Amino acid sequence: MRLKLYIIVIFLTTFIVSCKSVQNIAHRDHSGNETVNRKNGTEKREFINGIQVTLGTVTTTKQKTSSISSSPSKNSQSNTTSDIPILSGESERAYMLQLKYSPIINVPIDNLNNIVLLEQIDKWWGTRYCIGGSSENCVDCSGFTQIIMRNVYNLSILRTAQEQYNQAQRIEREDLQEGDMVFFGKSIRSISHVGIYLQNNKFVHASTSNGVMVSDLNDKYWNPKYRGGGRVDNN
């Protein structure tokens, strides 16, 4: 009887030990359900929406962006050039005068090559009108043309508008060139106003209303009073 009971105890003990071993083995095998993809020693884990993380970069199905912020290199930056040239000294001054008077005369900048003339216009611009005047305080029309012809063209002309008209060689309107004189009045024997022709039908003069300024030969005030153009040379 005791022997039989002893055999039963041994059998039960053996059975319990074997069940625990099987259970431990089963637990170890479950760890293999965790999937890890390795390729060339680089670990890759899949996340939602097709996003994956690999070696410090974020990759999606649309683009790849470095996780390290980067700024554009100097070579990749576009170099923009300005339409305005880099000038200094007298060249800068000349260019600024061209910029200023190009829209006033309504011609391209490249057409304004007589910088000395532009400097004189700029110097006298706005000087008020007074009869007999020939200074920067006030000047009349013929006094202004006399100064311009002397300072810009090194020419000596007479003092009054009528004397200047008589002194000058007649020039047809379509043949007028920069530096020619333009005359106005009731008739050729009654010249009362004079100016210096520029370009594009524009002329600079000392007007009674606004002082030294630029006007247009086609202006409704000046066109009916126009009496002709004149040119003076050194001969």
C-alpha atoms as a PDB file:
ATOM      1  CA  MET A   1       0.000   0.000   0.000  1.00  0.00           C
ATOM      2  CA  ARG A   2       2.767   2.377   0.965  1.00  0.00           C
ATOM      3  CA  LEU A   3       4.674   1.455  -2.170  1.00  0.00           C
ATOM      4  CA  LYS A   4       1.708   2.216  -4.367  1.00  0.00           C
ATOM      5  CA  LEU A   5       1.208   5.622  -2.748  1.00  0.00           C
ATOM      6  CA  TYR A   6       4.906   6.410  -3.199  1.00  0.00           C
ATOM      7  CA  ILE A   7       4.733   5.622  -6.917  1.00  0.00           C
ATOM      8  CA  ILE A   8       1.730   7.927  -7.375  1.00  0.00           C
ATOM      9  CA  VAL A   9       3.521  10.853  -5.669  1.00  0.00           C
ATOM     10  CA  ILE A  10       6.579  10.425  -7.886  1.00  0.00           C
ATOM     11  CA  PHE A  11       4.413  10.364 -11.030  1.00  0.00           C
ATOM     12  CA  LEU A  12       2.551  13.570 -10.087  1.00  0.00           C
ATOM     13  CA  THR A  13       5.774  15.394  -9.269  1.00  0.00           C
ATOM     14  CA  THR A  14       7.278  14.464 -12.621  1.00  0.00           C
ATOM     15  CA  PHE A  15       4.163  15.591 -14.475  1.00  0.00           C
ATOM     16  CA  ILE A  16       4.053  19.037 -12.799  1.00  0.00           C
ATOM     17  CA  VAL A  17       7.741  19.733 -13.520  1.00  0.00           C
ATOM     18  CA  SER A  18       7.331  18.824 -17.182  1.00  0.00           C
ATOM     19  CA  CYS A  19       4.311  21.178 -17.585  1.00  0.00           C
ATOM     20  CA  LYS A  20       6.264  24.172 -16.245  1.00  0.00           C
ATOM     21  CA  SER A  21       9.118  23.462 -18.658  1.00  0.00           C
ATOM     22  CA  VAL A  22       6.750  23.368 -21.578  1.00  0.00           C
ATOM     23  CA  GLN A  23       5.163  26.666 -20.458  1.00  0.00           C
ATOM     24  CA  ASN A  24       8.551  28.417 -20.206  1.00  0.00           C
ATOM     25  CA  ILE A  25       9.493  27.207 -23.651  1.00  0.00           C
ATOM     26  CA  ALA A  26       6.227  28.518 -25.025  1.00  0.00           C
ATOM     27  CA  HIS A  27       6.847  31.941 -23.492  1.00  0.00           C
ATOM     28  CA  ARG A  28      10.268  32.125 -25.053  1.00  0.00           C
ATOM     29  CA  ASP A  29       8.947  31.238 -28.463  1.00  0.00           C
ATOM     30  CA  HIS A  30       6.370  34.100 -28.343  1.00  0.00           C
ATOM     31  CA  SER A  31       9.128  36.652 -28.453  1.00  0.00           C
ATOM     32  CA  GLY A  32       9.729  35.702 -32.053  1.00  0.00           C
ATOM     33  CA  ASN A  33       6.431  37.309 -33.052  1.00  0.00           C
ATOM     34  CA  GLU A  34       8.056  40.730 -32.705  1.00  0.00           C
ATOM     35  CA  THR A  35       9.189  41.582 -36.226  1.00  0.00           C
ATOM     36  CA  VAL A  36      12.410  43.525 -36.706  1.00  0.00           C
ATOM     37  CA  ASN A  37      13.617  44.185 -40.226  1.00  0.00           C
ATOM     38  CA  ARG A  38      17.357  44.592 -40.547  1.00  0.00           C
ATOM     39  CA  LYS A  39      19.188  45.399 -43.717  1.00  0.00           C
ATOM     40  CA  ASN A  40      22.899  45.978 -43.857  1.00  0.00           C
ATOM     41  CA  GLY A  41      22.970  46.521 -40.094  1.00  0.00           C
ATOM     42  CA  THR A  42      20.493  49.459 -40.290  1.00  0.00           C
ATOM     43  CA  GLU A  43      17.314  49.164 -38.250  1.00  0.00           C
ATOM     44  CA  LYS A  44      14.101  50.304 -39.907  1.00  0.00           C
ATOM     45  CA  ARG A  45      10.758  50.608 -38.128  1.00  0.00           C
ATOM     46  CA  GLU A  46       7.450  51.226 -39.883  1.00  0.00           C
ATOM     47  CA  PHE A  47       4.969  53.765 -38.524  1.00  0.00           C
ATOM     48  CA  ILE A  48       1.596  55.055 -39.637  1.00  0.00           C
ATOM     49  CA  ASN A  49       0.895  56.754 -42.989  1.00  0.00           C
ATOM     50  CA  GLY A  50       3.987  55.376 -44.665  1.00  0.00           C
ATOM     51  CA  ILE A  51       6.436  57.296 -42.493  1.00  0.00           C
ATOM     52  CA  GLN A  52       9.634  55.596 -41.494  1.00  0.00           C
ATOM     53  CA  VAL A  53      12.655  56.647 -39.466  1.00  0.00           C
ATOM     54  CA  THR A  54      16.108  55.793 -40.802  1.00  0.00           C
ATOM     55  CA  LEU A  55      19.479  57.143 -39.702  1.00  0.00           C
ATOM     56  CA  GLY A  56      18.461  60.587 -38.562  1.00  0.00           C
ATOM     57  CA  THR A  57      16.194  61.326 -41.534  1.00  0.00           C
ATOM     58  CA  VAL A  58      12.448  61.463 -41.816  1.00  0.00           C
ATOM     59  CA  THR A  59      11.143  59.790 -44.950  1.00  0.00           C
ATOM     60  CA  THR A  60       7.596  59.870 -46.216  1.00  0.00           C
ATOM     61  CA  THR A  61       6.091  58.654 -49.431  1.00  0.00           C
ATOM     62  CA  LYS A  62       6.295  62.215 -50.857  1.00  0.00           C
ATOM     63  CA  GLN A  63       9.580  63.728 -49.716  1.00  0.00           C
ATOM     64  CA  LYS A  64      12.734  63.224 -47.744  1.00  0.00           C
ATOM     65  CA  THR A  65      13.797  65.898 -45.294  1.00  0.00           C
ATOM     66  CA  SER A  66      16.907  65.985 -43.167  1.00  0.00           C
ATOM     67  CA  SER A  67      16.304  66.137 -39.453  1.00  0.00           C
ATOM     68  CA  ILE A  68      19.240  68.588 -39.179  1.00  0.00           C
ATOM     69  CA  SER A  69      18.219  72.086 -40.166  1.00  0.00           C
ATOM     70  CA  SER A  70      20.373  73.456 -42.936  1.00  0.00           C
ATOM     71  CA  SER A  71      20.733  76.881 -44.510  1.00  0.00           C
ATOM     72  CA  PRO A  72      21.360  77.484 -48.226  1.00  0.00           C
ATOM     73  CA  SER A  73      25.017  77.482 -49.124  1.00  0.00           C
ATOM     74  CA  LYS A  74      26.633  80.587 -50.553  1.00  0.00           C
ATOM     75  CA  ASN A  75      26.950  78.900 -53.928  1.00  0.00           C
ATOM     76  CA  SER A  76      23.228  78.139 -54.063  1.00  0.00           C
ATOM     77  CA  GLN A  77      22.158  81.681 -53.335  1.00  0.00           C
ATOM     78  CA  SER A  78      21.112  83.617 -56.413  1.00  0.00           C
ATOM     79  CA  ASN A  79      23.173  86.673 -57.208  1.00  0.00           C
ATOM     80  CA  THR A  80      20.996  89.605 -58.218  1.00  0.00           C
ATOM     81  CA  THR A  81      22.436  92.572 -60.048  1.00  0.00           C
ATOM     82  CA  SER A  82      21.006  96.060 -59.924  1.00  0.00           C
ATOM     83  CA  ASP A  83      20.136  98.034 -63.061  1.00  0.00           C
ATOM     84  CA  ILE A  84      21.798 101.035 -61.440  1.00  0.00           C
ATOM     85  CA  PRO A  85      25.581 100.968 -61.969  1.00  0.00           C
ATOM     86  CA  ILE A  86      27.944 101.400 -59.039  1.00  0.00           C
ATOM     87  CA  LEU A  87      29.525 104.815 -59.524  1.00  0.00           C
ATOM     88  CA  SER A  88      31.472 107.319 -57.503  1.00  0.00           C
ATOM     89  CA  GLY A  89      32.483 110.948 -57.623  1.00  0.00           C
ATOM     90  CA  GLU A  90      31.809 112.813 -60.858  1.00  0.00           C
ATOM     91  CA  SER A  91      30.375 109.754 -62.588  1.00  0.00           C
ATOM     92  CA  GLU A  92      27.762 109.360 -59.851  1.00  0.00           C
ATOM     93  CA  ARG A  93      26.852 113.045 -60.080  1.00  0.00           C
ATOM     94  CA  ALA A  94      26.497 112.806 -63.852  1.00  0.00           C
ATOM     95  CA  TYR A  95      24.317 109.734 -63.615  1.00  0.00           C
ATOM     96  CA  MET A  96      22.044 111.365 -61.047  1.00  0.00           C
ATOM     97  CA  LEU A  97      21.583 114.351 -63.364  1.00  0.00           C
ATOM     98  CA  GLN A  98      20.695 112.028 -66.221  1.00  0.00           C
ATOM     99  CA  LEU A  99      18.171 110.254 -64.006  1.00  0.00           C
ATOM    100  CA  LYS A 100      16.654 113.577 -62.950  1.00  0.00           C
ATOM    101  CA  TYR A 101      16.277 115.167 -66.364  1.00  0.00           C
ATOM    102  CA  SER A 102      15.471 112.106 -68.459  1.00  0.00           C
ATOM    103  CA  PRO A 103      11.753 112.214 -67.550  1.00  0.00           C
ATOM    104  CA  ILE A 104      11.642 116.013 -67.769  1.00  0.00           C
ATOM    105  CA  ILE A 105      13.005 116.052 -71.325  1.00  0.00           C
ATOM    106  CA  ASN A 106      11.320 112.694 -71.989  1.00  0.00           C
ATOM    107  CA  VAL A 107      14.310 110.999 -73.579  1.00  0.00           C
ATOM    108  CA  PRO A 108      16.354 107.924 -72.602  1.00  0.00           C
ATOM    109  CA  ILE A 109      19.192 108.456 -70.147  1.00  0.00           C
ATOM    110  CA  ASP A 110      21.752 107.482 -72.793  1.00  0.00           C
ATOM    111  CA  ASN A 111      20.645 110.463 -74.926  1.00  0.00           C
ATOM    112  CA  LEU A 112      21.710 112.964 -72.258  1.00  0.00           C
ATOM    113  CA  ASN A 113      25.442 113.144 -72.908  1.00  0.00           C
ATOM    114  CA  ASN A 114      26.057 116.859 -72.343  1.00  0.00           C
ATOM    115  CA  ILE A 115      26.627 116.735 -68.586  1.00  0.00           C
ATOM    116  CA  VAL A 116      27.935 120.318 -68.455  1.00  0.00           C
ATOM    117  CA  LEU A 117      24.620 121.526 -69.886  1.00  0.00           C
ATOM    118  CA  LEU A 118      22.669 119.448 -67.346  1.00  0.00           C
ATOM    119  CA  GLU A 119      24.808 120.884 -64.552  1.00  0.00           C
ATOM    120  CA  GLN A 120      24.023 124.441 -65.673  1.00  0.00           C
ATOM    121  CA  ILE A 121      20.312 123.701 -65.947  1.00  0.00           C
ATOM    122  CA  ASP A 122      20.348 122.177 -62.485  1.00  0.00           C
ATOM    123  CA  LYS A 123      22.294 125.115 -61.067  1.00  0.00           C
ATOM    124  CA  TRP A 124      19.888 127.706 -62.462  1.00  0.00           C
ATOM    125  CA  TRP A 125      16.660 125.719 -62.136  1.00  0.00           C
ATOM    126  CA  GLY A 126      13.934 127.779 -60.443  1.00  0.00           C
ATOM    127  CA  THR A 127      15.914 131.025 -60.424  1.00  0.00           C
ATOM    128  CA  ARG A 128      13.296 133.760 -60.505  1.00  0.00           C
ATOM    129  CA  TYR A 129      12.797 136.060 -63.470  1.00  0.00           C
ATOM    130  CA  CYS A 130      13.606 139.764 -63.447  1.00  0.00           C
ATOM    131  CA  ILE A 131      14.150 142.146 -66.344  1.00  0.00           C
ATOM    132  CA  GLY A 132      17.837 142.854 -66.882  1.00  0.00           C
ATOM    133  CA  GLY A 133      18.911 140.216 -64.361  1.00  0.00           C
ATOM    134  CA  SER A 134      21.959 138.013 -64.958  1.00  0.00           C
ATOM    135  CA  SER A 135      22.741 136.504 -61.564  1.00  0.00           C
ATOM    136  CA  GLU A 136      21.594 133.520 -59.521  1.00  0.00           C
ATOM    137  CA  ASN A 137      19.323 135.875 -57.581  1.00  0.00           C
ATOM    138  CA  CYS A 138      17.295 136.686 -60.684  1.00  0.00           C
ATOM    139  CA  VAL A 139      17.771 136.479 -64.423  1.00  0.00           C
ATOM    140  CA  ASP A 140      15.897 137.344 -67.603  1.00  0.00           C
ATOM    141  CA  CYS A 141      15.588 135.158 -70.699  1.00  0.00           C
ATOM    142  CA  SER A 142      18.385 136.634 -72.794  1.00  0.00           C
ATOM    143  CA  GLY A 143      20.683 136.961 -69.774  1.00  0.00           C
ATOM    144  CA  PHE A 144      20.162 133.222 -69.134  1.00  0.00           C
ATOM    145  CA  THR A 145      20.899 132.199 -72.747  1.00  0.00           C
ATOM    146  CA  GLN A 146      24.000 134.398 -72.751  1.00  0.00           C
ATOM    147  CA  ILE A 147      25.282 132.631 -69.610  1.00  0.00           C
ATOM    148  CA  ILE A 148      24.532 129.139 -70.974  1.00  0.00           C
ATOM    149  CA  MET A 149      26.196 129.802 -74.324  1.00  0.00           C
ATOM    150  CA  ARG A 150      29.295 131.116 -72.553  1.00  0.00           C
ATOM    151  CA  ASN A 151      29.571 128.467 -69.797  1.00  0.00           C
ATOM    152  CA  VAL A 152      28.610 125.411 -71.842  1.00  0.00           C
ATOM    153  CA  TYR A 153      29.604 126.202 -75.439  1.00  0.00           C
ATOM    154  CA  ASN A 154      32.260 128.866 -74.874  1.00  0.00           C
ATOM    155  CA  LEU A 155      30.403 131.218 -77.201  1.00  0.00           C
ATOM    156  CA  SER A 156      29.939 134.947 -76.811  1.00  0.00           C
ATOM    157  CA  ILE A 157      26.538 136.297 -77.860  1.00  0.00           C
ATOM    158  CA  LEU A 158      24.849 139.673 -77.622  1.00  0.00           C
ATOM    159  CA  ARG A 159      22.639 140.670 -74.699  1.00  0.00           C
ATOM    160  CA  THR A 160      19.017 141.082 -75.753  1.00  0.00           C
ATOM    161  CA  ALA A 161      16.674 138.509 -77.323  1.00  0.00           C
ATOM    162  CA  GLN A 162      16.303 140.578 -80.517  1.00  0.00           C
ATOM    163  CA  GLU A 163      20.090 141.009 -80.825  1.00  0.00           C
ATOM    164  CA  GLN A 164      20.623 137.293 -80.359  1.00  0.00           C
ATOM    165  CA  TYR A 165      18.021 136.532 -83.028  1.00  0.00           C
ATOM    166  CA  ASN A 166      19.722 138.868 -85.478  1.00  0.00           C
ATOM    167  CA  GLN A 167      23.148 137.414 -84.651  1.00  0.00           C
ATOM    168  CA  ALA A 168      22.149 133.754 -85.102  1.00  0.00           C
ATOM    169  CA  GLN A 169      21.973 131.735 -88.306  1.00  0.00           C
ATOM    170  CA  ARG A 170      18.425 130.592 -89.122  1.00  0.00           C
ATOM    171  CA  ILE A 171      17.650 126.943 -88.409  1.00  0.00           C
ATOM    172  CA  GLU A 172      14.493 125.122 -89.499  1.00  0.00           C
ATOM    173  CA  ARG A 173      12.481 123.623 -86.676  1.00  0.00           C
ATOM    174  CA  GLU A 174      13.024 120.032 -87.820  1.00  0.00           C
ATOM    175  CA  ASP A 175      16.788 120.669 -87.912  1.00  0.00           C
ATOM    176  CA  LEU A 176      17.119 121.997 -84.382  1.00  0.00           C
ATOM    177  CA  GLN A 177      19.925 120.468 -82.341  1.00  0.00           C
ATOM    178  CA  GLU A 178      20.817 120.617 -78.662  1.00  0.00           C
ATOM    179  CA  GLY A 179      22.377 124.020 -77.950  1.00  0.00           C
ATOM    180  CA  ASP A 180      20.524 125.945 -80.665  1.00  0.00           C
ATOM    181  CA  MET A 181      18.455 128.937 -79.605  1.00  0.00           C
ATOM    182  CA  VAL A 182      14.699 129.214 -80.025  1.00  0.00           C
ATOM    183  CA  PHE A 183      12.963 132.602 -80.353  1.00  0.00           C
ATOM    184  CA  PHE A 184       9.456 133.823 -79.580  1.00  0.00           C
ATOM    185  CA  GLY A 185       7.581 137.060 -80.170  1.00  0.00           C
ATOM    186  CA  LYS A 186       4.866 138.861 -82.084  1.00  0.00           C
ATOM    187  CA  SER A 187       7.013 138.854 -85.231  1.00  0.00           C
ATOM    188  CA  ILE A 188      10.604 138.382 -86.374  1.00  0.00           C
ATOM    189  CA  ARG A 189      11.073 142.108 -85.829  1.00  0.00           C
ATOM    190  CA  SER A 190       9.635 141.902 -82.331  1.00  0.00           C
ATOM    191  CA  ILE A 191      11.463 139.039 -80.602  1.00  0.00           C
ATOM    192  CA  SER A 192      10.622 139.186 -76.896  1.00  0.00           C
ATOM    193  CA  HIS A 193      11.733 135.799 -75.587  1.00  0.00           C
ATOM    194  CA  VAL A 194      14.543 133.270 -76.141  1.00  0.00           C
ATOM    195  CA  GLY A 195      15.559 129.867 -74.827  1.00  0.00           C
ATOM    196  CA  ILE A 196      18.041 127.038 -75.431  1.00  0.00           C
ATOM    197  CA  TYR A 197      16.834 124.003 -77.363  1.00  0.00           C
ATOM    198  CA  LEU A 198      17.423 120.617 -75.722  1.00  0.00           C
ATOM    199  CA  GLN A 199      15.863 117.534 -77.357  1.00  0.00           C
ATOM    200  CA  ASN A 200      12.432 116.166 -78.175  1.00  0.00           C
ATOM    201  CA  ASN A 201      10.908 119.668 -78.722  1.00  0.00           C
ATOM    202  CA  LYS A 202      11.949 120.699 -75.203  1.00  0.00           C
ATOM    203  CA  PHE A 203      13.806 123.930 -74.403  1.00  0.00           C
ATOM    204  CA  VAL A 204      15.160 125.501 -71.218  1.00  0.00           C
ATOM    205  CA  HIS A 205      14.497 129.185 -70.557  1.00  0.00           C
ATOM    206  CA  ALA A 206      13.854 131.795 -67.915  1.00  0.00           C
ATOM    207  CA  SER A 207      10.090 132.216 -67.924  1.00  0.00           C
ATOM    208  CA  THR A 208       8.405 135.266 -66.430  1.00  0.00           C
ATOM    209  CA  SER A 209       6.039 133.098 -64.350  1.00  0.00           C
ATOM    210  CA  ASN A 210       8.171 130.208 -63.032  1.00  0.00           C
ATOM    211  CA  GLY A 211      11.743 131.330 -63.563  1.00  0.00           C
ATOM    212  CA  VAL A 212      14.246 128.917 -65.138  1.00  0.00           C
ATOM    213  CA  MET A 213      12.433 125.784 -66.307  1.00  0.00           C
ATOM    214  CA  VAL A 214      11.949 123.375 -69.226  1.00  0.00           C
ATOM    215  CA  SER A 215       9.010 123.822 -71.591  1.00  0.00           C
ATOM    216  CA  ASP A 216       7.727 122.243 -74.817  1.00  0.00           C
ATOM    217  CA  LEU A 217       7.653 123.972 -78.211  1.00  0.00           C
ATOM    218  CA  ASN A 218       4.295 122.328 -78.875  1.00  0.00           C
ATOM    219  CA  ASP A 219       2.757 123.872 -75.783  1.00  0.00           C
ATOM    220  CA  LYS A 220      -0.392 125.833 -76.631  1.00  0.00           C
ATOM    221  CA  TYR A 221       1.154 128.968 -75.169  1.00  0.00           C
ATOM    222  CA  TRP A 222       4.561 128.789 -76.847  1.00  0.00           C
ATOM    223  CA  ASN A 223       3.702 127.209 -80.211  1.00  0.00           C
ATOM    224  CA  PRO A 224       1.807 130.227 -81.621  1.00  0.00           C
ATOM    225  CA  LYS A 225       4.586 132.575 -80.500  1.00  0.00           C
ATOM    226  CA  TYR A 226       7.447 130.563 -81.991  1.00  0.00           C
ATOM    227  CA  ARG A 227       9.434 132.608 -84.540  1.00  0.00           C
ATOM    228  CA  GLY A 228      12.300 130.321 -85.397  1.00  0.00           C
ATOM    229  CA  GLY A 229      15.538 128.716 -84.360  1.00  0.00           C
ATOM    230  CA  GLY A 230      19.050 130.084 -84.495  1.00  0.00           C
ATOM    231  CA  ARG A 231      22.605 128.794 -84.266  1.00  0.00           C
ATOM    232  CA  VAL A 232      25.710 130.706 -83.290  1.00  0.00           C
ATOM    233  CA  ASP A 233      29.240 129.524 -83.951  1.00  0.00           C
ATOM    234  CA  ASN A 234      32.699 130.882 -83.227  1.00  0.00           C
ATOM    235  CA  ASN A 235      33.147 132.361 -86.700  1.00  0.00           C
END
